[in-house]
Amino acid sequence: MEGRVCMSGDVALVAITGATGFVGSAVVRRLIERTGFAVRVAVRGAYVASSPRIDVVSAQSLAPDNQWASFVAGADVVIHCAARVHVLNETAEAPDQEYFRANVTATLNLAEQAAAAGA
């Protein structure tokens, strides 16, 4: 199965969260370098697409109740690189709960919506 991607057409649509982060940006770059992939990225702020094969979608946060249906719609694969990390000036009353909410609960929500969409 190595190197096999299930595609709905000639090009696989890969939806990526955290596309401006260290790992996510490397994943986007690598996919764009290769033919056969279109990329949809979810970003919080400004993002300049480096290729016409990148579709940019605004996502405000990793809230556990985010509705990802339109983001994952039509995607063949979802790669989740977004996370709550490196909070240098922590202001949350319960940081551990905030990390859990963003990195566990929100991830489960995204995974469930991706699975429901067939990604």
Foldseek 3Di string as FASTA:
>chain_A
DPPDFDDPDQAAEEEEEPCVDDVNVVVVVVQVVDPRYAYEYEDQDDDDDPDPSYHYDYDNALALPDDCLVRLARHRYYHYDDADDDPPDDDDPDVVVVRCRRPPSSVVSVVVSNVVNVD
